[in-house]
Amino acid sequence: MEEPAAASPDPSVPAPPEDPSPSDSPSAPSPAGVAHPGPRELAAAMEAVERDAAAIADSYASLFASLRVALANVTSTSAENMECLGDVVGRLQESALEASSKGNKYINSCLRLNEEMRGLESLAVQLKILRKNVDSLDLAVNQLLHLP
């Protein structure tokens, strides 16, 4: 009676792995002797696969939602930063134009002053000559006034 019990597979013991060459082991069961899972086992396996697939789909949906929010935040921040950068560049351009204008005015003033200083050089030479003449005249007058 034990022979039929030994031939029926025990559900708690896993089936031995299928060997591609059954001729190597004479005691190995033939492929026809391997029990196929029943409809209940197939249904349970399908339900497990469906649950896992649903969990993976939920995980992907959550991941994509998080990525969408992160992308929206980055895009919003980037847009705000670009707007701020545009304002800064505009103000910098205005300041640069103003500084350039003031620099040009300063250069023109320096050039005018340089021209005026060139005219003053000849005047300074004339003043030096005049000073020498006045000193000579003063010396001559002093000599005439203090005659012995």
C-alpha atoms as a PDB file:
ATOM      1  CA  MET A   1       0.000   0.000   0.000  1.00  0.00           C
ATOM      2  CA  GLU A   2       2.897   2.301   0.506  1.00  0.00           C
ATOM      3  CA  GLU A   3       3.874   2.210  -3.137  1.00  0.00           C
ATOM      4  CA  PRO A   4       0.932   4.373  -4.268  1.00  0.00           C
ATOM      5  CA  ALA A   5       1.612   6.778  -1.393  1.00  0.00           C
ATOM      6  CA  ALA A   6       5.252   7.042  -2.400  1.00  0.00           C
ATOM      7  CA  ALA A   7       4.265   7.816  -5.984  1.00  0.00           C
ATOM      8  CA  SER A   8       1.975  10.738  -5.008  1.00  0.00           C
ATOM      9  CA  PRO A   9       3.889  13.965  -4.524  1.00  0.00           C
ATOM     10  CA  ASP A  10       3.948  15.534  -1.077  1.00  0.00           C
ATOM     11  CA  PRO A  11       2.681  19.144  -1.317  1.00  0.00           C
ATOM     12  CA  SER A  12       4.978  20.303   1.514  1.00  0.00           C
ATOM     13  CA  VAL A  13       8.146  18.989  -0.136  1.00  0.00           C
ATOM     14  CA  PRO A  14       9.222  20.887  -3.239  1.00  0.00           C
ATOM     15  CA  ALA A  15       9.518  18.905  -6.420  1.00  0.00           C
ATOM     16  CA  PRO A  16      13.089  18.066  -7.419  1.00  0.00           C
ATOM     17  CA  PRO A  17      14.508  20.252 -10.186  1.00  0.00           C
ATOM     18  CA  GLU A  18      13.935  18.873 -13.631  1.00  0.00           C
ATOM     19  CA  ASP A  19      17.080  17.393 -15.116  1.00  0.00           C
ATOM     20  CA  PRO A  20      17.443  17.879 -18.869  1.00  0.00           C
ATOM     21  CA  SER A  21      19.033  14.407 -19.142  1.00  0.00           C
ATOM     22  CA  PRO A  22      16.822  11.833 -17.386  1.00  0.00           C
ATOM     23  CA  SER A  23      19.045   9.007 -18.611  1.00  0.00           C
ATOM     24  CA  ASP A  24      21.798   9.994 -16.110  1.00  0.00           C
ATOM     25  CA  SER A  25      19.792   8.877 -13.132  1.00  0.00           C
ATOM     26  CA  PRO A  26      17.750   5.680 -13.361  1.00  0.00           C
ATOM     27  CA  SER A  27      15.758   6.543 -10.227  1.00  0.00           C
ATOM     28  CA  ALA A  28      14.615   9.969 -11.512  1.00  0.00           C
ATOM     29  CA  PRO A  29      10.927  10.178 -12.350  1.00  0.00           C
ATOM     30  CA  SER A  30      10.013  10.487 -15.991  1.00  0.00           C
ATOM     31  CA  PRO A  31       8.627  13.810 -17.272  1.00  0.00           C
ATOM     32  CA  ALA A  32       5.242  12.218 -17.545  1.00  0.00           C
ATOM     33  CA  GLY A  33       5.382  11.470 -13.805  1.00  0.00           C
ATOM     34  CA  VAL A  34       5.766  15.190 -12.835  1.00  0.00           C
ATOM     35  CA  ALA A  35       2.547  16.602 -11.462  1.00  0.00           C
ATOM     36  CA  HIS A  36       1.362  19.853 -13.052  1.00  0.00           C
ATOM     37  CA  PRO A  37      -0.146  22.517 -10.809  1.00  0.00           C
ATOM     38  CA  GLY A  38      -3.866  22.390 -10.497  1.00  0.00           C
ATOM     39  CA  PRO A  39      -6.347  25.145 -11.338  1.00  0.00           C
ATOM     40  CA  ARG A  40      -6.296  26.444  -7.759  1.00  0.00           C
ATOM     41  CA  GLU A  41      -2.514  26.771  -7.741  1.00  0.00           C
ATOM     42  CA  LEU A  42      -2.615  28.500 -11.128  1.00  0.00           C
ATOM     43  CA  ALA A  43      -5.332  30.882  -9.932  1.00  0.00           C
ATOM     44  CA  ALA A  44      -3.369  31.640  -6.753  1.00  0.00           C
ATOM     45  CA  ALA A  45      -0.206  32.242  -8.766  1.00  0.00           C
ATOM     46  CA  MET A  46      -2.102  34.511 -11.175  1.00  0.00           C
ATOM     47  CA  GLU A  47      -3.594  36.456  -8.273  1.00  0.00           C
ATOM     48  CA  ALA A  48      -0.112  36.896  -6.765  1.00  0.00           C
ATOM     49  CA  VAL A  49       1.230  38.096 -10.124  1.00  0.00           C
ATOM     50  CA  GLU A  50      -1.717  40.495 -10.471  1.00  0.00           C
ATOM     51  CA  ARG A  51      -1.168  41.857  -6.938  1.00  0.00           C
ATOM     52  CA  ASP A  52       2.538  42.314  -7.627  1.00  0.00           C
ATOM     53  CA  ALA A  53       1.799  43.995 -10.966  1.00  0.00           C
ATOM     54  CA  ALA A  54      -0.727  46.326  -9.296  1.00  0.00           C
ATOM     55  CA  ALA A  55       1.792  47.180  -6.566  1.00  0.00           C
ATOM     56  CA  ILE A  56       4.469  47.875  -9.179  1.00  0.00           C
ATOM     57  CA  ALA A  57       2.015  50.017 -11.165  1.00  0.00           C
ATOM     58  CA  ASP A  58       1.159  51.975  -8.005  1.00  0.00           C
ATOM     59  CA  SER A  59       4.859  52.433  -7.276  1.00  0.00           C
ATOM     60  CA  TYR A  60       5.467  53.705 -10.802  1.00  0.00           C
ATOM     61  CA  ALA A  61       2.468  56.029 -10.577  1.00  0.00           C
ATOM     62  CA  SER A  62       3.754  57.402  -7.277  1.00  0.00           C
ATOM     63  CA  LEU A  63       7.264  57.779  -8.705  1.00  0.00           C
ATOM     64  CA  PHE A  64       5.993  59.600 -11.787  1.00  0.00           C
ATOM     65  CA  ALA A  65       3.792  61.856  -9.654  1.00  0.00           C
ATOM     66  CA  SER A  66       6.793  62.729  -7.484  1.00  0.00           C
ATOM     67  CA  LEU A  67       8.907  63.362 -10.569  1.00  0.00           C
ATOM     68  CA  ARG A  68       6.137  65.527 -12.054  1.00  0.00           C
ATOM     69  CA  VAL A  69       5.980  67.629  -8.866  1.00  0.00           C
ATOM     70  CA  ALA A  70       9.777  67.901  -8.719  1.00  0.00           C
ATOM     71  CA  LEU A  71       9.930  68.908 -12.380  1.00  0.00           C
ATOM     72  CA  ALA A  72       7.184  71.485 -11.852  1.00  0.00           C
ATOM     73  CA  ASN A  73       9.084  72.934  -8.888  1.00  0.00           C
ATOM     74  CA  VAL A  74      12.343  73.040 -10.820  1.00  0.00           C
ATOM     75  CA  THR A  75      10.659  74.571 -13.848  1.00  0.00           C
ATOM     76  CA  SER A  76       8.906  77.151 -11.686  1.00  0.00           C
ATOM     77  CA  THR A  77      12.131  77.963  -9.872  1.00  0.00           C
ATOM     78  CA  SER A  78      14.005  78.143 -13.169  1.00  0.00           C
ATOM     79  CA  ALA A  79      11.381  80.487 -14.617  1.00  0.00           C
ATOM     80  CA  GLU A  80      11.566  82.708 -11.527  1.00  0.00           C
ATOM     81  CA  ASN A  81      15.359  82.659 -11.673  1.00  0.00           C
ATOM     82  CA  MET A  82      15.316  83.559 -15.371  1.00  0.00           C
ATOM     83  CA  GLU A  83      12.940  86.449 -14.681  1.00  0.00           C
ATOM     84  CA  CYS A  84      15.159  87.645 -11.838  1.00  0.00           C
ATOM     85  CA  LEU A  85      18.238  87.254 -14.037  1.00  0.00           C
ATOM     86  CA  GLY A  86      16.528  89.312 -16.747  1.00  0.00           C
ATOM     87  CA  ASP A  87      15.817  92.084 -14.229  1.00  0.00           C
ATOM     88  CA  VAL A  88      19.404  92.020 -12.979  1.00  0.00           C
ATOM     89  CA  VAL A  89      20.810  92.107 -16.506  1.00  0.00           C
ATOM     90  CA  GLY A  90      18.527  95.043 -17.378  1.00  0.00           C
ATOM     91  CA  ARG A  91      19.624  96.999 -14.322  1.00  0.00           C
ATOM     92  CA  LEU A  92      23.251  96.132 -14.976  1.00  0.00           C
ATOM     93  CA  GLN A  93      22.899  97.359 -18.542  1.00  0.00           C
ATOM     94  CA  GLU A  94      21.357 100.631 -17.339  1.00  0.00           C
ATOM     95  CA  SER A  95      24.153 101.082 -14.800  1.00  0.00           C
ATOM     96  CA  ALA A  96      26.804 100.298 -17.411  1.00  0.00           C
ATOM     97  CA  LEU A  97      25.310 102.836 -19.826  1.00  0.00           C
ATOM     98  CA  GLU A  98      25.147 105.455 -17.081  1.00  0.00           C
ATOM     99  CA  ALA A  99      28.741 104.757 -16.029  1.00  0.00           C
ATOM    100  CA  SER A 100      29.857 104.901 -19.665  1.00  0.00           C
ATOM    101  CA  SER A 101      28.100 108.241 -20.138  1.00  0.00           C
ATOM    102  CA  LYS A 102      29.668 109.684 -16.983  1.00  0.00           C
ATOM    103  CA  GLY A 103      33.062 108.313 -18.027  1.00  0.00           C
ATOM    104  CA  ASN A 104      32.762 110.013 -21.425  1.00  0.00           C
ATOM    105  CA  LYS A 105      31.840 113.308 -19.739  1.00  0.00           C
ATOM    106  CA  TYR A 106      34.871 112.976 -17.444  1.00  0.00           C
ATOM    107  CA  ILE A 107      37.178 112.248 -20.394  1.00  0.00           C
ATOM    108  CA  ASN A 108      35.812 115.254 -22.308  1.00  0.00           C
ATOM    109  CA  SER A 109      36.314 117.466 -19.248  1.00  0.00           C
ATOM    110  CA  CYS A 110      39.901 116.239 -18.919  1.00  0.00           C
ATOM    111  CA  LEU A 111      40.554 116.954 -22.602  1.00  0.00           C
ATOM    112  CA  ARG A 112      39.155 120.498 -22.255  1.00  0.00           C
ATOM    113  CA  LEU A 113      41.249 121.052 -19.138  1.00  0.00           C
ATOM    114  CA  ASN A 114      44.317 119.780 -20.987  1.00  0.00           C
ATOM    115  CA  GLU A 115      43.689 122.264 -23.812  1.00  0.00           C
ATOM    116  CA  GLU A 116      43.254 125.068 -21.297  1.00  0.00           C
ATOM    117  CA  MET A 117      46.450 124.020 -19.540  1.00  0.00           C
ATOM    118  CA  ARG A 118      48.364 124.198 -22.852  1.00  0.00           C
ATOM    119  CA  GLY A 119      47.176 127.775 -23.244  1.00  0.00           C
ATOM    120  CA  LEU A 120      48.277 128.452 -19.675  1.00  0.00           C
ATOM    121  CA  GLU A 121      51.801 127.154 -20.371  1.00  0.00           C
ATOM    122  CA  SER A 122      52.546 130.067 -22.689  1.00  0.00           C
ATOM    123  CA  LEU A 123      50.896 132.397 -20.176  1.00  0.00           C
ATOM    124  CA  ALA A 124      53.059 130.912 -17.407  1.00  0.00           C
ATOM    125  CA  VAL A 125      56.197 131.524 -19.508  1.00  0.00           C
ATOM    126  CA  GLN A 126      55.065 135.098 -20.095  1.00  0.00           C
ATOM    127  CA  LEU A 127      54.402 135.535 -16.358  1.00  0.00           C
ATOM    128  CA  LYS A 128      57.902 134.264 -15.544  1.00  0.00           C
ATOM    129  CA  ILE A 129      59.436 136.711 -17.991  1.00  0.00           C
ATOM    130  CA  LEU A 130      57.275 139.502 -16.597  1.00  0.00           C
ATOM    131  CA  ARG A 131      58.301 138.525 -13.051  1.00  0.00           C
ATOM    132  CA  LYS A 132      62.000 138.726 -14.035  1.00  0.00           C
ATOM    133  CA  ASN A 133      61.425 142.114 -15.617  1.00  0.00           C
ATOM    134  CA  VAL A 134      59.569 143.356 -12.517  1.00  0.00           C
ATOM    135  CA  ASP A 135      62.369 142.042 -10.292  1.00  0.00           C
ATOM    136  CA  SER A 136      64.966 143.764 -12.478  1.00  0.00           C
ATOM    137  CA  LEU A 137      62.989 146.993 -12.448  1.00  0.00           C
ATOM    138  CA  ASP A 138      62.551 146.777  -8.668  1.00  0.00           C
ATOM    139  CA  LEU A 139      66.270 146.228  -8.231  1.00  0.00           C
ATOM    140  CA  ALA A 140      67.049 149.198 -10.479  1.00  0.00           C
ATOM    141  CA  VAL A 141      64.605 151.428  -8.592  1.00  0.00           C
ATOM    142  CA  ASN A 142      66.074 150.351  -5.265  1.00  0.00           C
ATOM    143  CA  GLN A 143      69.573 151.130  -6.516  1.00  0.00           C
ATOM    144  CA  LEU A 144      68.498 154.571  -7.706  1.00  0.00           C
ATOM    145  CA  LEU A 145      66.799 155.375  -4.436  1.00  0.00           C
ATOM    146  CA  HIS A 146      69.738 154.319  -2.307  1.00  0.00           C
ATOM    147  CA  LEU A 147      72.499 156.112  -4.080  1.00  0.00           C
ATOM    148  CA  PRO A 148      75.472 156.938  -1.881  1.00  0.00           C
END
